[in-house]
N, C-alpha and C. Protein backbone atom coordinates (compact mmCIF):
# COMPACT_ATOMS: atom_id res chain seq x y z
N MET A 1 0.06 5.67 25.34
CA MET A 1 -1.31 5.34 25.27
C MET A 1 -2.22 5.96 24.23
N LEU A 2 -1.85 7.28 24.05
CA LEU A 2 -2.37 8.21 23.04
C LEU A 2 -2.13 7.47 21.60
N LEU A 3 -0.80 7.16 21.40
CA LEU A 3 -0.40 6.62 20.19
C LEU A 3 -1.15 5.36 19.82
N LEU A 4 -1.25 4.54 20.64
CA LEU A 4 -2.13 3.21 20.58
C LEU A 4 -3.62 3.45 20.13
N ARG A 5 -4.20 4.39 21.00
CA ARG A 5 -5.50 4.74 20.57
C ARG A 5 -5.70 5.51 19.46
N THR A 6 -4.84 6.33 18.83
CA THR A 6 -4.85 7.01 17.72
C THR A 6 -4.85 6.07 16.49
N VAL A 7 -3.78 5.05 16.69
CA VAL A 7 -3.67 4.04 15.66
C VAL A 7 -4.96 3.24 15.52
N ALA A 8 -5.48 2.75 16.68
CA ALA A 8 -6.84 2.02 16.59
C ALA A 8 -7.84 2.79 16.04
N ALA A 9 -8.00 4.02 16.44
CA ALA A 9 -9.08 4.80 15.61
C ALA A 9 -8.84 4.87 14.18
N TRP A 10 -7.62 5.12 13.85
CA TRP A 10 -7.20 5.09 12.49
C TRP A 10 -7.48 3.75 11.74
N LEU A 11 -7.38 2.54 12.43
CA LEU A 11 -7.72 1.24 11.74
C LEU A 11 -9.40 1.35 11.60
N LEU A 12 -10.00 1.71 12.55
CA LEU A 12 -11.31 1.81 12.29
C LEU A 12 -11.83 2.68 11.13
N ILE A 13 -11.01 3.87 10.92
CA ILE A 13 -11.36 4.68 9.69
C ILE A 13 -10.99 3.96 8.48
N LEU A 14 -9.85 3.05 8.63
CA LEU A 14 -9.48 2.37 7.46
C LEU A 14 -10.48 1.32 7.09
N VAL A 15 -11.07 0.74 8.07
CA VAL A 15 -12.26 -0.26 7.64
C VAL A 15 -13.35 0.57 6.83
N PHE A 16 -13.69 1.73 7.46
CA PHE A 16 -14.77 2.53 6.77
C PHE A 16 -14.36 2.98 5.22
N ALA A 17 -13.02 3.13 5.21
CA ALA A 17 -12.51 3.53 3.72
C ALA A 17 -12.49 2.41 2.84
N VAL A 18 -12.05 1.25 3.22
CA VAL A 18 -12.12 0.10 2.57
C VAL A 18 -13.76 -0.33 1.99
N ILE A 19 -14.69 -0.25 2.92
CA ILE A 19 -16.07 -0.43 2.77
C ILE A 19 -16.53 0.64 1.72
N ASN A 20 -16.17 1.97 1.93
CA ASN A 20 -16.54 2.96 1.02
C ASN A 20 -16.03 2.65 -0.36
N GLY A 21 -14.65 2.29 -0.50
CA GLY A 21 -14.25 2.08 -1.75
C GLY A 21 -14.94 0.91 -2.45
N GLY A 22 -15.29 0.00 -1.70
CA GLY A 22 -15.95 -1.04 -2.40
C GLY A 22 -17.53 -0.66 -2.83
N PHE A 23 -18.13 0.19 -1.93
CA PHE A 23 -19.29 0.62 -2.37
C PHE A 23 -19.13 1.61 -3.66
N ARG A 24 -18.18 2.38 -3.66
CA ARG A 24 -17.94 3.10 -4.88
C ARG A 24 -17.86 2.33 -5.91
N GLU A 25 -16.92 1.32 -5.96
CA GLU A 25 -16.66 0.38 -7.16
C GLU A 25 -17.98 -0.35 -7.44
N ALA A 26 -18.75 -1.04 -6.51
CA ALA A 26 -19.71 -1.75 -6.90
C ALA A 26 -21.03 -1.12 -7.16
N VAL A 27 -21.46 0.08 -6.58
CA VAL A 27 -22.76 0.72 -6.59
C VAL A 27 -22.63 2.02 -7.32
N LEU A 28 -21.81 2.88 -6.90
CA LEU A 28 -21.84 4.30 -7.28
C LEU A 28 -21.29 4.37 -8.80
N LEU A 29 -20.05 3.89 -9.05
CA LEU A 29 -19.45 4.01 -10.44
C LEU A 29 -20.48 3.55 -11.44
N PRO A 30 -21.09 2.29 -11.33
CA PRO A 30 -21.97 1.87 -12.62
C PRO A 30 -23.17 2.57 -12.49
N ASN A 31 -23.55 3.24 -11.57
CA ASN A 31 -24.86 3.87 -11.61
C ASN A 31 -24.90 5.39 -11.69
N LEU A 32 -23.78 6.02 -11.26
CA LEU A 32 -23.53 7.52 -11.43
C LEU A 32 -22.48 8.11 -12.30
N GLY A 33 -21.54 7.08 -12.72
CA GLY A 33 -20.44 7.51 -13.56
C GLY A 33 -19.51 8.00 -12.80
N GLN A 34 -17.96 8.11 -13.28
CA GLN A 34 -16.95 8.49 -12.51
C GLN A 34 -17.00 9.80 -11.79
N PRO A 35 -17.26 10.80 -12.37
CA PRO A 35 -17.28 12.33 -11.44
C PRO A 35 -18.15 12.21 -10.31
N ALA A 36 -19.20 11.77 -10.65
CA ALA A 36 -20.29 11.92 -9.36
C ALA A 36 -20.02 10.74 -8.34
N ALA A 37 -19.58 9.63 -8.80
CA ALA A 37 -19.13 8.63 -7.91
C ALA A 37 -18.09 9.00 -6.95
N PHE A 38 -16.97 9.54 -7.51
CA PHE A 38 -15.82 10.13 -6.73
C PHE A 38 -16.40 11.15 -5.90
N VAL A 39 -17.09 12.18 -6.34
CA VAL A 39 -17.51 13.20 -5.35
C VAL A 39 -18.26 12.63 -4.19
N LEU A 40 -19.30 11.61 -4.54
CA LEU A 40 -20.02 11.17 -3.48
C LEU A 40 -19.39 10.25 -2.51
N SER A 41 -18.40 9.50 -3.17
CA SER A 41 -17.58 8.69 -2.31
C SER A 41 -16.67 9.52 -1.16
N ALA A 42 -16.10 10.72 -1.76
CA ALA A 42 -15.26 11.49 -0.86
C ALA A 42 -16.07 12.04 0.11
N ILE A 43 -17.32 12.54 -0.01
CA ILE A 43 -18.19 13.13 0.80
C ILE A 43 -18.55 11.99 2.02
N LEU A 44 -18.84 10.89 1.60
CA LEU A 44 -19.25 9.73 2.46
C LEU A 44 -18.00 9.42 3.33
N LEU A 45 -16.85 9.38 2.72
CA LEU A 45 -15.68 8.88 3.59
C LEU A 45 -15.33 10.01 4.53
N SER A 46 -15.49 11.26 4.12
CA SER A 46 -15.31 12.46 4.86
C SER A 46 -16.17 12.31 6.18
N LEU A 47 -17.45 12.13 5.82
CA LEU A 47 -18.44 12.05 6.95
C LEU A 47 -18.11 10.91 7.86
N CYS A 48 -17.81 9.86 7.41
CA CYS A 48 -17.35 8.74 8.26
C CYS A 48 -16.14 9.15 9.12
N ILE A 49 -15.08 9.71 8.74
CA ILE A 49 -13.92 10.28 9.29
C ILE A 49 -14.27 11.17 10.51
N VAL A 50 -15.02 12.11 10.12
CA VAL A 50 -15.47 13.07 11.14
C VAL A 50 -16.47 12.26 12.37
N ILE A 51 -17.42 11.38 11.82
CA ILE A 51 -18.23 10.77 12.82
C ILE A 51 -17.32 9.95 13.83
N VAL A 52 -16.26 9.22 13.16
CA VAL A 52 -15.45 8.37 14.04
C VAL A 52 -14.68 9.31 15.06
N ALA A 53 -14.15 10.51 14.60
CA ALA A 53 -13.50 11.47 15.53
C ALA A 53 -14.57 11.95 16.52
N ILE A 54 -15.79 12.33 16.30
CA ILE A 54 -16.73 12.70 17.17
C ILE A 54 -16.96 11.63 18.14
N VAL A 55 -17.32 10.42 17.80
CA VAL A 55 -17.73 9.36 18.69
C VAL A 55 -16.53 9.10 19.56
N LEU A 56 -15.32 8.97 19.09
CA LEU A 56 -14.08 8.62 19.86
C LEU A 56 -13.39 9.67 20.58
N ALA A 57 -13.87 10.97 20.45
CA ALA A 57 -13.41 12.30 21.06
C ALA A 57 -12.93 12.03 22.48
N GLY A 58 -13.83 11.49 23.20
CA GLY A 58 -13.60 11.09 24.64
C GLY A 58 -12.51 10.12 24.98
N TRP A 59 -12.53 9.08 24.12
CA TRP A 59 -11.67 7.90 24.31
C TRP A 59 -10.17 8.51 23.93
N LEU A 60 -10.15 9.27 22.93
CA LEU A 60 -8.98 9.91 22.35
C LEU A 60 -8.39 11.00 23.24
N ARG A 61 -9.39 11.36 24.21
CA ARG A 61 -9.06 12.55 25.07
C ARG A 61 -8.59 13.77 24.24
N LEU A 62 -9.52 14.14 23.26
CA LEU A 62 -9.28 15.32 22.54
C LEU A 62 -9.65 16.64 23.10
N ASN A 63 -8.72 17.04 24.00
CA ASN A 63 -9.14 18.27 24.81
C ASN A 63 -8.16 19.18 24.71
N GLY A 64 -7.30 19.23 23.77
CA GLY A 64 -6.43 20.39 23.63
C GLY A 64 -6.10 20.46 22.20
N PHE A 65 -5.76 21.75 21.71
CA PHE A 65 -5.45 22.00 20.33
C PHE A 65 -4.39 21.25 19.80
N SER A 66 -3.16 21.08 20.62
CA SER A 66 -1.90 20.45 20.12
C SER A 66 -2.37 18.90 20.10
N ARG A 67 -3.22 18.46 20.92
CA ARG A 67 -3.51 16.99 20.96
C ARG A 67 -4.17 16.76 19.80
N CYS A 68 -5.32 17.48 19.41
CA CYS A 68 -6.06 17.20 18.30
C CYS A 68 -5.22 17.36 17.00
N LEU A 69 -4.32 18.30 16.93
CA LEU A 69 -3.32 18.19 15.75
C LEU A 69 -2.46 17.17 15.54
N PHE A 70 -2.02 16.57 16.93
CA PHE A 70 -1.17 15.36 16.83
C PHE A 70 -1.92 14.20 16.25
N VAL A 71 -3.20 14.06 16.72
CA VAL A 71 -4.04 12.88 16.17
C VAL A 71 -4.11 13.14 14.82
N GLY A 72 -4.61 14.19 14.31
CA GLY A 72 -4.87 14.34 12.88
C GLY A 72 -3.76 14.29 12.14
N LEU A 73 -2.47 14.66 12.55
CA LEU A 73 -1.32 14.53 11.85
C LEU A 73 -1.04 13.11 11.58
N LEU A 74 -1.16 12.27 12.86
CA LEU A 74 -0.81 10.91 12.85
C LEU A 74 -1.80 10.14 11.74
N TRP A 75 -3.19 10.53 11.90
CA TRP A 75 -4.06 9.87 10.94
C TRP A 75 -3.74 10.10 9.40
N LEU A 76 -3.33 11.53 9.19
CA LEU A 76 -2.93 11.83 7.81
C LEU A 76 -1.57 11.08 7.44
N CYS A 77 -0.76 10.93 8.18
CA CYS A 77 0.73 10.10 7.95
C CYS A 77 0.22 8.70 7.69
N LEU A 78 -0.47 8.09 8.55
CA LEU A 78 -1.06 6.72 8.39
C LEU A 78 -1.67 6.52 7.18
N THR A 79 -2.53 7.26 6.72
CA THR A 79 -3.32 7.19 5.61
C THR A 79 -2.23 7.47 4.39
N LEU A 80 -1.45 8.35 4.44
CA LEU A 80 -0.45 8.31 3.22
C LEU A 80 0.44 7.21 3.15
N VAL A 81 1.12 6.79 4.24
CA VAL A 81 2.01 5.58 4.18
C VAL A 81 1.13 4.32 3.74
N PHE A 82 -0.24 4.28 4.22
CA PHE A 82 -0.94 3.05 3.73
C PHE A 82 -1.24 3.26 1.99
N GLU A 83 -1.59 4.40 1.76
CA GLU A 83 -2.12 4.73 0.33
C GLU A 83 -0.84 4.27 -0.61
N PHE A 84 0.26 4.89 -0.20
CA PHE A 84 1.38 4.82 -1.19
C PHE A 84 1.97 3.29 -1.11
N GLY A 85 2.06 2.81 0.12
CA GLY A 85 2.50 1.34 0.37
C GLY A 85 1.57 0.33 -0.39
N PHE A 86 0.39 0.47 -0.10
CA PHE A 86 -0.66 -0.50 -0.67
C PHE A 86 -0.50 -0.27 -2.17
N GLY A 87 -0.53 0.88 -2.73
CA GLY A 87 -0.59 1.07 -4.14
C GLY A 87 0.62 0.54 -4.95
N ARG A 88 1.87 0.90 -4.23
CA ARG A 88 3.00 0.42 -4.76
C ARG A 88 3.30 -1.10 -4.65
N ILE A 89 3.24 -1.60 -3.24
CA ILE A 89 3.57 -2.95 -3.25
C ILE A 89 2.40 -3.90 -3.50
N VAL A 90 1.23 -3.77 -3.11
CA VAL A 90 0.10 -4.69 -3.49
C VAL A 90 -0.33 -4.50 -4.84
N GLN A 91 -0.71 -3.24 -5.28
CA GLN A 91 -1.25 -3.04 -6.55
C GLN A 91 -0.23 -2.83 -7.69
N GLY A 92 1.02 -2.65 -7.42
CA GLY A 92 2.19 -2.53 -8.32
C GLY A 92 1.99 -1.25 -9.21
N LEU A 93 1.40 -0.11 -8.71
CA LEU A 93 0.99 1.23 -9.32
C LEU A 93 2.40 1.88 -9.40
N SER A 94 2.50 2.68 -10.38
CA SER A 94 3.65 3.44 -10.42
C SER A 94 3.43 4.79 -9.62
N TRP A 95 4.52 5.57 -9.54
CA TRP A 95 4.30 6.84 -8.79
C TRP A 95 3.43 7.66 -9.32
N ALA A 96 3.56 7.77 -10.78
CA ALA A 96 2.49 8.73 -11.58
C ALA A 96 1.14 8.31 -11.27
N GLU A 97 0.84 7.10 -11.35
CA GLU A 97 -0.51 6.53 -11.23
C GLU A 97 -1.06 6.81 -9.82
N MET A 98 -0.21 6.66 -8.87
CA MET A 98 -0.63 7.02 -7.57
C MET A 98 -0.84 8.39 -7.40
N LEU A 99 -0.14 9.29 -7.96
CA LEU A 99 -0.15 10.74 -7.77
C LEU A 99 -1.24 11.30 -8.56
N GLU A 100 -1.94 10.56 -9.50
CA GLU A 100 -2.98 11.11 -10.22
C GLU A 100 -4.22 11.24 -9.36
N ALA A 101 -4.23 10.59 -8.08
CA ALA A 101 -5.24 10.79 -7.32
C ALA A 101 -5.24 12.18 -6.60
N TYR A 102 -4.21 12.89 -6.79
CA TYR A 102 -4.18 14.30 -6.07
C TYR A 102 -4.42 15.51 -7.10
N THR A 103 -4.96 15.08 -8.22
CA THR A 103 -5.27 16.09 -9.25
C THR A 103 -6.50 16.69 -9.54
N PHE A 104 -7.57 16.36 -8.72
CA PHE A 104 -8.84 16.86 -8.83
C PHE A 104 -9.43 16.42 -10.13
N LYS A 105 -8.93 15.49 -10.78
CA LYS A 105 -9.30 15.02 -12.11
C LYS A 105 -10.60 14.14 -12.13
N ASP A 106 -11.54 14.56 -12.90
CA ASP A 106 -12.69 13.55 -13.04
C ASP A 106 -13.57 13.48 -11.62
N GLY A 107 -13.68 14.44 -10.88
CA GLY A 107 -14.42 14.58 -9.64
C GLY A 107 -13.70 13.92 -8.48
N ASN A 108 -12.38 13.66 -8.67
CA ASN A 108 -11.57 13.10 -7.54
C ASN A 108 -11.28 14.26 -6.42
N LEU A 109 -11.85 13.91 -5.18
CA LEU A 109 -11.55 14.80 -4.14
C LEU A 109 -10.69 14.33 -3.04
N TRP A 110 -9.98 13.46 -3.44
CA TRP A 110 -9.11 12.64 -2.46
C TRP A 110 -8.30 13.69 -1.61
N PRO A 111 -7.63 14.83 -2.38
CA PRO A 111 -6.86 15.78 -1.40
C PRO A 111 -7.74 16.54 -0.38
N LEU A 112 -9.05 16.53 -0.61
CA LEU A 112 -9.95 17.16 0.39
C LEU A 112 -10.04 16.17 1.39
N VAL A 113 -10.31 14.97 1.15
CA VAL A 113 -10.49 13.88 2.26
C VAL A 113 -9.19 13.97 3.14
N LEU A 114 -8.07 14.10 2.64
CA LEU A 114 -6.92 14.22 3.39
C LEU A 114 -6.92 15.46 4.46
N VAL A 115 -7.59 16.58 3.86
CA VAL A 115 -7.66 17.73 4.77
C VAL A 115 -8.60 17.47 5.71
N VAL A 116 -9.72 16.71 5.63
CA VAL A 116 -10.66 16.47 6.44
C VAL A 116 -10.04 15.46 7.42
N THR A 117 -9.31 14.48 7.13
CA THR A 117 -8.57 13.53 8.15
C THR A 117 -7.83 14.30 8.85
N PHE A 118 -7.13 15.20 8.52
CA PHE A 118 -6.08 16.06 9.32
C PHE A 118 -7.00 16.74 10.52
N PHE A 119 -8.07 17.51 9.90
CA PHE A 119 -8.68 18.43 10.91
C PHE A 119 -9.92 17.81 11.62
N ALA A 120 -10.31 16.53 11.27
CA ALA A 120 -11.45 15.90 12.00
C ALA A 120 -11.30 15.95 13.43
N PRO A 121 -10.13 15.57 13.98
CA PRO A 121 -10.01 15.50 15.55
C PRO A 121 -10.20 16.96 16.14
N LEU A 122 -9.87 17.94 15.51
CA LEU A 122 -9.97 19.32 16.02
C LEU A 122 -11.63 19.67 15.99
N LEU A 123 -12.11 19.40 14.72
CA LEU A 123 -13.56 19.52 14.61
C LEU A 123 -14.28 18.76 15.59
N ALA A 124 -14.06 17.55 15.76
CA ALA A 124 -14.84 16.69 16.85
C ALA A 124 -14.70 17.35 18.23
N ALA A 125 -13.37 17.75 18.61
CA ALA A 125 -13.35 18.15 19.83
C ALA A 125 -14.09 19.77 20.17
N ARG A 126 -14.18 20.62 18.99
CA ARG A 126 -14.97 21.72 19.07
C ARG A 126 -16.58 21.14 19.16
N ILE A 127 -16.86 20.32 18.44
CA ILE A 127 -18.48 19.81 18.47
C ILE A 127 -18.69 19.28 19.77
N ARG A 128 -17.88 18.30 20.40
CA ARG A 128 -17.99 17.89 21.57
C ARG A 128 -17.88 18.74 22.82
N GLY A 129 -17.38 20.00 22.51
CA GLY A 129 -17.12 21.07 23.41
C GLY A 129 -16.10 20.69 24.50
N ARG A 130 -14.94 20.13 23.88
CA ARG A 130 -13.75 19.67 24.53
C ARG A 130 -12.68 20.77 24.52
N LEU A 131 -12.84 21.71 23.70
CA LEU A 131 -11.87 22.67 23.35
C LEU A 131 -12.28 24.04 23.88
């Protein structure tokens, strides 16, 4: 049951990530330029991830350190599989092109978003007083 709930929560995060990416491309990049748009987009997505974790902490039963780390690790793995699978299969990107997102170049904070993804359940449990 935990596995299904964790994947369902991650799918909600994925919806927010897609919306965030569209907002970045349509609004932030044209108005702010790449570095500022990437930074703001990373902050917005990180906030969405933490908010989802906080709101769903009870439903996910985030009441133990190891359970929180399991959920965070699964979210991180699902994100990486989606990121590289989508990039490679759908977008036809090379490995070098995909790995460029992990360089902090031009305001790209994607690696920090991944850190937030991993620790969001733990942070949510602490905020909700479940640990």
